[in-house]
N, C-alpha and C. Protein backbone atom coordinates (compact mmCIF):
# COMPACT_ATOMS: atom_id res chain seq x y z
N MET A 1 -8.76 20.72 53.33
CA MET A 1 -7.52 20.97 52.64
C MET A 1 -7.69 21.94 51.49
N GLY A 2 -8.86 22.44 51.31
CA GLY A 2 -9.05 23.45 50.28
C GLY A 2 -9.04 22.88 48.88
N SER A 3 -8.50 23.66 47.95
CA SER A 3 -8.51 23.26 46.55
C SER A 3 -7.19 22.67 46.08
N ILE A 4 -6.27 22.41 46.98
CA ILE A 4 -4.98 21.84 46.59
C ILE A 4 -5.13 20.33 46.50
N LEU A 5 -4.83 19.79 45.34
CA LEU A 5 -4.92 18.36 45.11
C LEU A 5 -3.52 17.76 45.10
N SER A 6 -3.43 16.56 45.58
CA SER A 6 -2.13 15.88 45.50
C SER A 6 -1.92 15.44 44.06
N MET A 7 -0.69 15.11 43.70
CA MET A 7 -0.40 14.70 42.32
C MET A 7 -1.19 13.45 41.95
N ALA A 8 -1.44 12.57 42.90
CA ALA A 8 -2.19 11.36 42.62
C ALA A 8 -3.64 11.67 42.30
N ASP A 9 -4.15 12.80 42.78
CA ASP A 9 -5.54 13.15 42.54
C ASP A 9 -5.76 13.91 41.24
N THR A 10 -4.69 14.34 40.60
CA THR A 10 -4.85 15.09 39.36
C THR A 10 -4.83 14.14 38.18
N GLU A 11 -5.59 14.48 37.18
CA GLU A 11 -5.68 13.63 35.99
C GLU A 11 -4.61 14.09 35.01
N GLN A 12 -3.80 13.15 34.54
CA GLN A 12 -2.74 13.45 33.60
C GLN A 12 -3.10 12.88 32.24
N ASP A 13 -2.91 13.65 31.19
CA ASP A 13 -3.15 13.19 29.84
C ASP A 13 -1.83 12.65 29.29
N GLU A 14 -1.74 11.32 29.14
CA GLU A 14 -0.49 10.69 28.70
C GLU A 14 -0.16 10.99 27.25
N ASP A 15 -1.15 11.34 26.44
CA ASP A 15 -0.92 11.58 25.02
C ASP A 15 -0.51 13.01 24.72
N SER A 16 -0.50 13.87 25.73
CA SER A 16 -0.17 15.26 25.46
C SER A 16 1.33 15.42 25.28
N THR A 17 1.70 16.21 24.29
CA THR A 17 3.09 16.50 24.00
C THR A 17 3.27 18.00 24.16
N PRO A 18 4.30 18.41 24.90
CA PRO A 18 4.50 19.85 25.08
C PRO A 18 4.74 20.52 23.74
N THR A 19 4.11 21.65 23.53
CA THR A 19 4.29 22.38 22.28
C THR A 19 5.12 23.64 22.47
N THR A 20 5.42 23.95 23.71
CA THR A 20 6.27 25.10 23.98
C THR A 20 7.25 24.73 25.07
N GLY A 21 8.26 25.53 25.23
CA GLY A 21 9.23 25.31 26.29
C GLY A 21 10.27 24.27 25.91
N ALA A 22 11.00 23.77 26.91
CA ALA A 22 12.10 22.85 26.69
C ALA A 22 11.63 21.51 26.13
N GLY A 23 10.45 21.06 26.51
CA GLY A 23 9.95 19.77 26.04
C GLY A 23 9.71 19.73 24.54
N ALA A 24 9.33 20.86 23.96
CA ALA A 24 9.05 20.91 22.52
C ALA A 24 10.31 20.68 21.72
N GLY A 25 11.41 21.25 22.13
CA GLY A 25 12.68 21.08 21.43
C GLY A 25 13.17 19.64 21.49
N ALA A 26 13.02 19.00 22.64
CA ALA A 26 13.45 17.62 22.79
C ALA A 26 12.62 16.70 21.92
N GLY A 27 11.32 16.93 21.85
CA GLY A 27 10.46 16.11 21.00
C GLY A 27 10.78 16.27 19.53
N ALA A 28 11.05 17.49 19.12
CA ALA A 28 11.38 17.75 17.72
C ALA A 28 12.72 17.11 17.37
N ARG A 29 13.68 17.18 18.29
CA ARG A 29 14.99 16.54 18.05
C ARG A 29 14.83 15.03 17.92
N ALA A 30 14.00 14.45 18.78
CA ALA A 30 13.77 12.99 18.72
C ALA A 30 13.10 12.62 17.40
N ASP A 31 12.16 13.44 16.94
CA ASP A 31 11.50 13.18 15.67
C ASP A 31 12.49 13.24 14.51
N ARG A 32 13.38 14.24 14.54
CA ARG A 32 14.38 14.37 13.47
C ARG A 32 15.35 13.20 13.50
N ARG A 33 15.72 12.76 14.70
CA ARG A 33 16.64 11.63 14.83
C ARG A 33 15.99 10.35 14.29
N THR A 34 14.73 10.14 14.63
CA THR A 34 14.00 8.99 14.12
C THR A 34 13.92 9.04 12.60
N ALA A 35 13.62 10.21 12.05
CA ALA A 35 13.53 10.36 10.59
C ALA A 35 14.87 10.05 9.93
N ARG A 36 15.97 10.47 10.54
CA ARG A 36 17.30 10.17 9.98
C ARG A 36 17.58 8.67 10.01
N ARG A 37 17.21 8.01 11.11
CA ARG A 37 17.42 6.57 11.22
C ARG A 37 16.59 5.82 10.17
N VAL A 38 15.34 6.23 10.00
CA VAL A 38 14.48 5.61 8.99
C VAL A 38 15.08 5.82 7.60
N ALA A 39 15.53 7.03 7.31
CA ALA A 39 16.10 7.33 5.99
C ALA A 39 17.36 6.51 5.73
N LYS A 40 18.22 6.38 6.74
CA LYS A 40 19.46 5.60 6.57
C LYS A 40 19.14 4.13 6.32
N LEU A 41 18.25 3.56 7.11
CA LEU A 41 17.87 2.16 6.91
C LEU A 41 17.21 1.97 5.55
N THR A 42 16.39 2.92 5.13
CA THR A 42 15.74 2.85 3.82
C THR A 42 16.78 2.80 2.71
N ARG A 43 17.81 3.66 2.81
CA ARG A 43 18.89 3.65 1.81
C ARG A 43 19.61 2.31 1.80
N GLU A 44 19.88 1.75 2.99
CA GLU A 44 20.59 0.48 3.06
C GLU A 44 19.76 -0.67 2.50
N ILE A 45 18.47 -0.68 2.78
CA ILE A 45 17.58 -1.72 2.26
C ILE A 45 17.50 -1.60 0.74
N THR A 46 17.35 -0.38 0.24
CA THR A 46 17.27 -0.15 -1.20
C THR A 46 18.55 -0.56 -1.90
N ALA A 47 19.69 -0.24 -1.31
CA ALA A 47 20.99 -0.63 -1.89
C ALA A 47 21.13 -2.15 -1.91
N PHE A 48 20.70 -2.81 -0.85
CA PHE A 48 20.74 -4.27 -0.81
C PHE A 48 19.89 -4.84 -1.95
N ALA A 49 18.67 -4.36 -2.08
CA ALA A 49 17.77 -4.86 -3.12
C ALA A 49 18.37 -4.65 -4.51
N ARG A 50 18.92 -3.46 -4.73
CA ARG A 50 19.51 -3.13 -6.02
C ARG A 50 20.68 -4.06 -6.36
N SER A 51 21.48 -4.39 -5.36
CA SER A 51 22.65 -5.24 -5.62
C SER A 51 22.33 -6.73 -5.63
N HIS A 52 21.10 -7.09 -5.33
CA HIS A 52 20.71 -8.51 -5.33
C HIS A 52 19.53 -8.78 -6.23
N GLY A 53 19.61 -8.25 -7.45
CA GLY A 53 18.60 -8.56 -8.45
C GLY A 53 17.51 -7.53 -8.62
N GLY A 54 17.56 -6.45 -7.88
CA GLY A 54 16.60 -5.37 -8.07
C GLY A 54 15.46 -5.31 -7.08
N SER A 55 15.21 -6.40 -6.36
CA SER A 55 14.16 -6.36 -5.35
C SER A 55 14.54 -7.24 -4.17
N ALA A 56 13.81 -7.08 -3.09
CA ALA A 56 14.06 -7.87 -1.89
C ALA A 56 12.76 -8.03 -1.13
N GLU A 57 12.74 -9.02 -0.28
CA GLU A 57 11.65 -9.23 0.65
C GLU A 57 12.28 -9.34 2.03
N GLY A 58 11.48 -9.19 3.06
CA GLY A 58 12.06 -9.20 4.39
C GLY A 58 11.13 -9.70 5.46
N GLN A 59 11.71 -9.81 6.65
CA GLN A 59 10.97 -10.22 7.84
C GLN A 59 11.56 -9.46 9.01
N LEU A 60 10.70 -8.99 9.90
CA LEU A 60 11.16 -8.25 11.08
C LEU A 60 11.11 -9.18 12.28
N ALA A 61 12.22 -9.19 13.04
CA ALA A 61 12.30 -10.03 14.22
C ALA A 61 12.68 -9.16 15.42
N TYR A 62 11.80 -9.10 16.40
CA TYR A 62 12.02 -8.29 17.60
C TYR A 62 13.16 -8.89 18.41
N LEU A 63 14.14 -8.09 18.77
CA LEU A 63 15.31 -8.55 19.52
C LEU A 63 15.29 -8.13 20.99
N GLY A 64 14.22 -7.56 21.45
CA GLY A 64 14.17 -7.06 22.82
C GLY A 64 14.71 -5.65 22.87
N GLN A 65 15.45 -5.34 23.91
CA GLN A 65 15.97 -3.98 24.09
C GLN A 65 16.93 -3.57 22.99
N MET A 66 17.56 -4.55 22.33
CA MET A 66 18.50 -4.24 21.25
C MET A 66 17.81 -3.61 20.05
N GLY A 67 16.54 -3.92 19.85
CA GLY A 67 15.83 -3.37 18.70
C GLY A 67 15.14 -4.44 17.90
N THR A 68 15.17 -4.27 16.58
CA THR A 68 14.50 -5.19 15.66
C THR A 68 15.44 -5.52 14.52
N ARG A 69 15.53 -6.80 14.22
CA ARG A 69 16.36 -7.28 13.11
C ARG A 69 15.52 -7.29 11.84
N ILE A 70 16.08 -6.73 10.79
CA ILE A 70 15.45 -6.75 9.47
C ILE A 70 16.22 -7.77 8.65
N VAL A 71 15.61 -8.92 8.39
CA VAL A 71 16.24 -9.95 7.57
C VAL A 71 15.79 -9.72 6.14
N LEU A 72 16.76 -9.62 5.23
CA LEU A 72 16.47 -9.33 3.84
C LEU A 72 16.87 -10.50 2.95
N VAL A 73 16.04 -10.82 1.98
CA VAL A 73 16.35 -11.84 0.98
C VAL A 73 16.17 -11.20 -0.38
N GLY A 74 17.26 -11.15 -1.14
CA GLY A 74 17.22 -10.55 -2.46
C GLY A 74 16.62 -11.48 -3.49
N GLU A 75 16.31 -10.90 -4.64
CA GLU A 75 15.74 -11.67 -5.75
C GLU A 75 16.66 -12.81 -6.17
N ASP A 76 17.98 -12.61 -6.03
CA ASP A 76 18.95 -13.63 -6.42
C ASP A 76 19.23 -14.66 -5.32
N GLY A 77 18.55 -14.56 -4.18
CA GLY A 77 18.75 -15.49 -3.08
C GLY A 77 19.78 -15.02 -2.06
N GLY A 78 20.48 -13.93 -2.37
CA GLY A 78 21.41 -13.36 -1.40
C GLY A 78 20.65 -12.84 -0.20
N TRP A 79 21.28 -12.92 0.95
CA TRP A 79 20.57 -12.47 2.15
C TRP A 79 21.49 -11.65 3.04
N GLY A 80 20.86 -10.89 3.90
CA GLY A 80 21.60 -10.05 4.84
C GLY A 80 20.63 -9.56 5.89
N ASP A 81 21.17 -8.82 6.82
CA ASP A 81 20.31 -8.27 7.85
C ASP A 81 20.82 -6.94 8.35
N LEU A 82 19.91 -6.20 8.93
CA LEU A 82 20.19 -4.90 9.55
C LEU A 82 19.49 -4.90 10.90
N VAL A 83 19.96 -4.05 11.81
CA VAL A 83 19.29 -3.92 13.09
C VAL A 83 18.84 -2.48 13.25
N ALA A 84 17.56 -2.33 13.53
CA ALA A 84 16.96 -1.02 13.78
C ALA A 84 16.75 -0.86 15.28
N PRO A 85 16.77 0.36 15.79
CA PRO A 85 16.61 0.56 17.23
C PRO A 85 15.21 0.23 17.76
N SER A 86 14.21 0.15 16.88
CA SER A 86 12.86 -0.20 17.33
C SER A 86 12.10 -0.87 16.20
N TYR A 87 11.02 -1.55 16.56
CA TYR A 87 10.18 -2.22 15.57
C TYR A 87 9.55 -1.18 14.64
N GLU A 88 9.08 -0.08 15.22
CA GLU A 88 8.44 0.97 14.43
C GLU A 88 9.38 1.54 13.37
N ILE A 89 10.62 1.80 13.74
CA ILE A 89 11.60 2.33 12.79
C ILE A 89 11.88 1.31 11.70
N ALA A 90 12.03 0.05 12.07
CA ALA A 90 12.28 -1.00 11.08
C ALA A 90 11.13 -1.10 10.10
N GLN A 91 9.92 -1.07 10.60
CA GLN A 91 8.74 -1.19 9.75
C GLN A 91 8.61 0.01 8.81
N ARG A 92 8.84 1.19 9.33
CA ARG A 92 8.76 2.40 8.50
C ARG A 92 9.81 2.37 7.39
N ALA A 93 11.02 1.94 7.71
CA ALA A 93 12.10 1.88 6.71
C ALA A 93 11.77 0.85 5.63
N ALA A 94 11.29 -0.31 6.03
CA ALA A 94 10.93 -1.35 5.06
C ALA A 94 9.82 -0.87 4.13
N GLU A 95 8.83 -0.20 4.70
CA GLU A 95 7.72 0.33 3.88
C GLU A 95 8.21 1.39 2.91
N LYS A 96 9.08 2.29 3.39
CA LYS A 96 9.60 3.34 2.51
C LYS A 96 10.47 2.76 1.40
N ALA A 97 11.17 1.66 1.69
CA ALA A 97 12.01 1.01 0.68
C ALA A 97 11.17 0.20 -0.30
N GLY A 98 9.93 -0.05 0.04
CA GLY A 98 9.03 -0.75 -0.86
C GLY A 98 9.20 -2.26 -0.90
N ILE A 99 9.74 -2.84 0.18
CA ILE A 99 9.89 -4.29 0.18
C ILE A 99 8.67 -4.96 0.79
N THR A 100 8.44 -6.20 0.39
CA THR A 100 7.35 -6.98 0.95
C THR A 100 7.83 -7.58 2.27
N LEU A 101 7.04 -7.40 3.32
CA LEU A 101 7.39 -7.97 4.62
C LEU A 101 6.56 -9.23 4.87
N HIS A 102 7.22 -10.25 5.39
CA HIS A 102 6.56 -11.50 5.74
C HIS A 102 6.45 -11.59 7.26
N GLU A 103 5.41 -12.24 7.74
CA GLU A 103 5.21 -12.42 9.18
C GLU A 103 6.26 -13.35 9.78
N LYS A 104 6.59 -14.42 9.03
CA LYS A 104 7.53 -15.42 9.52
C LYS A 104 8.60 -15.67 8.47
N PHE A 105 9.75 -16.13 8.94
CA PHE A 105 10.83 -16.49 8.03
C PHE A 105 10.76 -18.00 7.79
N ASP A 106 9.82 -18.38 6.98
CA ASP A 106 9.66 -19.80 6.66
C ASP A 106 9.07 -19.94 5.27
N GLY A 107 8.84 -21.14 4.85
CA GLY A 107 8.19 -21.39 3.57
C GLY A 107 8.97 -20.84 2.39
N GLU A 108 8.26 -20.14 1.55
CA GLU A 108 8.82 -19.64 0.29
C GLU A 108 10.00 -18.69 0.52
N LEU A 109 9.89 -17.83 1.50
CA LEU A 109 10.97 -16.87 1.76
C LEU A 109 12.25 -17.59 2.16
N ALA A 110 12.16 -18.52 3.09
CA ALA A 110 13.34 -19.26 3.53
C ALA A 110 13.91 -20.11 2.41
N ALA A 111 13.06 -20.65 1.55
CA ALA A 111 13.52 -21.51 0.45
C ALA A 111 14.32 -20.71 -0.59
N ARG A 112 14.11 -19.41 -0.66
CA ARG A 112 14.83 -18.59 -1.63
C ARG A 112 16.25 -18.26 -1.20
N VAL A 113 16.58 -18.43 0.07
CA VAL A 113 17.91 -18.08 0.58
C VAL A 113 18.95 -19.03 0.01
N ARG A 114 20.00 -18.45 -0.53
CA ARG A 114 21.12 -19.23 -1.06
C ARG A 114 22.32 -19.03 -0.13
N THR A 115 22.82 -20.13 0.39
CA THR A 115 23.98 -20.05 1.28
C THR A 115 25.21 -20.58 0.56
N GLY A 116 26.36 -20.10 0.97
CA GLY A 116 27.62 -20.50 0.38
C GLY A 116 28.45 -21.31 1.35
N PRO A 117 29.67 -21.61 0.97
CA PRO A 117 30.56 -22.42 1.81
C PRO A 117 30.81 -21.80 3.19
N TYR A 118 30.91 -20.49 3.25
CA TYR A 118 31.16 -19.85 4.54
C TYR A 118 30.03 -20.13 5.52
N GLU A 119 28.79 -19.94 5.07
CA GLU A 119 27.65 -20.17 5.96
C GLU A 119 27.58 -21.62 6.41
N TRP A 120 27.83 -22.55 5.48
CA TRP A 120 27.78 -23.97 5.83
C TRP A 120 28.86 -24.32 6.84
N SER A 121 30.05 -23.76 6.68
CA SER A 121 31.12 -24.07 7.64
C SER A 121 30.83 -23.46 9.01
N ARG A 122 30.22 -22.26 9.03
CA ARG A 122 29.87 -21.65 10.31
C ARG A 122 28.74 -22.40 11.00
N MET A 123 27.76 -22.88 10.23
CA MET A 123 26.65 -23.61 10.83
C MET A 123 27.10 -24.95 11.37
N ALA A 124 28.02 -25.61 10.66
CA ALA A 124 28.48 -26.93 11.08
C ALA A 124 29.64 -26.84 12.06
N GLY A 125 30.32 -25.71 12.09
CA GLY A 125 31.44 -25.54 13.00
C GLY A 125 32.56 -26.53 12.71
N ILE A 126 33.14 -27.05 13.75
CA ILE A 126 34.29 -27.94 13.58
C ILE A 126 33.92 -29.30 13.02
N GLN A 127 32.63 -29.61 12.95
CA GLN A 127 32.20 -30.89 12.40
C GLN A 127 32.62 -31.05 10.94
N LEU A 128 32.68 -29.96 10.21
CA LEU A 128 33.08 -30.01 8.81
C LEU A 128 34.41 -29.30 8.58
N GLY A 129 35.16 -29.10 9.64
CA GLY A 129 36.44 -28.43 9.51
C GLY A 129 36.34 -26.92 9.48
N GLY A 130 35.18 -26.40 9.76
CA GLY A 130 34.99 -24.96 9.79
C GLY A 130 35.39 -24.38 11.13
N PRO A 131 35.28 -23.09 11.28
CA PRO A 131 35.64 -22.46 12.55
C PRO A 131 34.71 -22.90 13.67
N SER A 132 35.26 -22.98 14.84
CA SER A 132 34.47 -23.37 16.01
C SER A 132 33.51 -22.26 16.39
N ASN A 133 32.35 -22.63 16.87
CA ASN A 133 31.36 -21.66 17.30
C ASN A 133 31.44 -21.38 18.80
N THR A 134 32.49 -21.83 19.46
CA THR A 134 32.58 -21.68 20.91
C THR A 134 33.03 -20.29 21.34
N GLY A 135 33.59 -19.53 20.43
CA GLY A 135 34.04 -18.19 20.81
C GLY A 135 35.48 -18.16 21.25
N THR A 136 36.13 -19.32 21.32
CA THR A 136 37.55 -19.35 21.71
C THR A 136 38.40 -19.37 20.45
N SER A 137 39.54 -18.74 20.51
CA SER A 137 40.42 -18.74 19.35
C SER A 137 41.43 -19.87 19.48
N THR A 138 41.81 -20.41 18.33
CA THR A 138 42.78 -21.51 18.33
C THR A 138 44.05 -21.12 17.67
């Protein structure tokens, strides 16, 4: 068969990124898009920290294809969350915002969370006269 190799016989370098042609533009666009997402999440995390006592701590929770949830707990016990399209983006944004990340949402971090009447009524649902968690409207 001469010197013609089938595609299965050729060695492909998975780490190579095209530096010229159409592939280079797509890679650069993806990098810029990722940088914008990181920057936006960083601003949101920083704003949350600023409005909740000046600092925050967080935990990253992988959501599957949906992305990664960034759970934030402010210095004052206020909490919130954001969703990033990937774990890497969430981690980069948290690091750029300068927050401490915890492996698990338990112990000291969970104890700092302050919940209000709304959260208690949602957690208890109709048991305490709060809205039902069934998804049906009444």
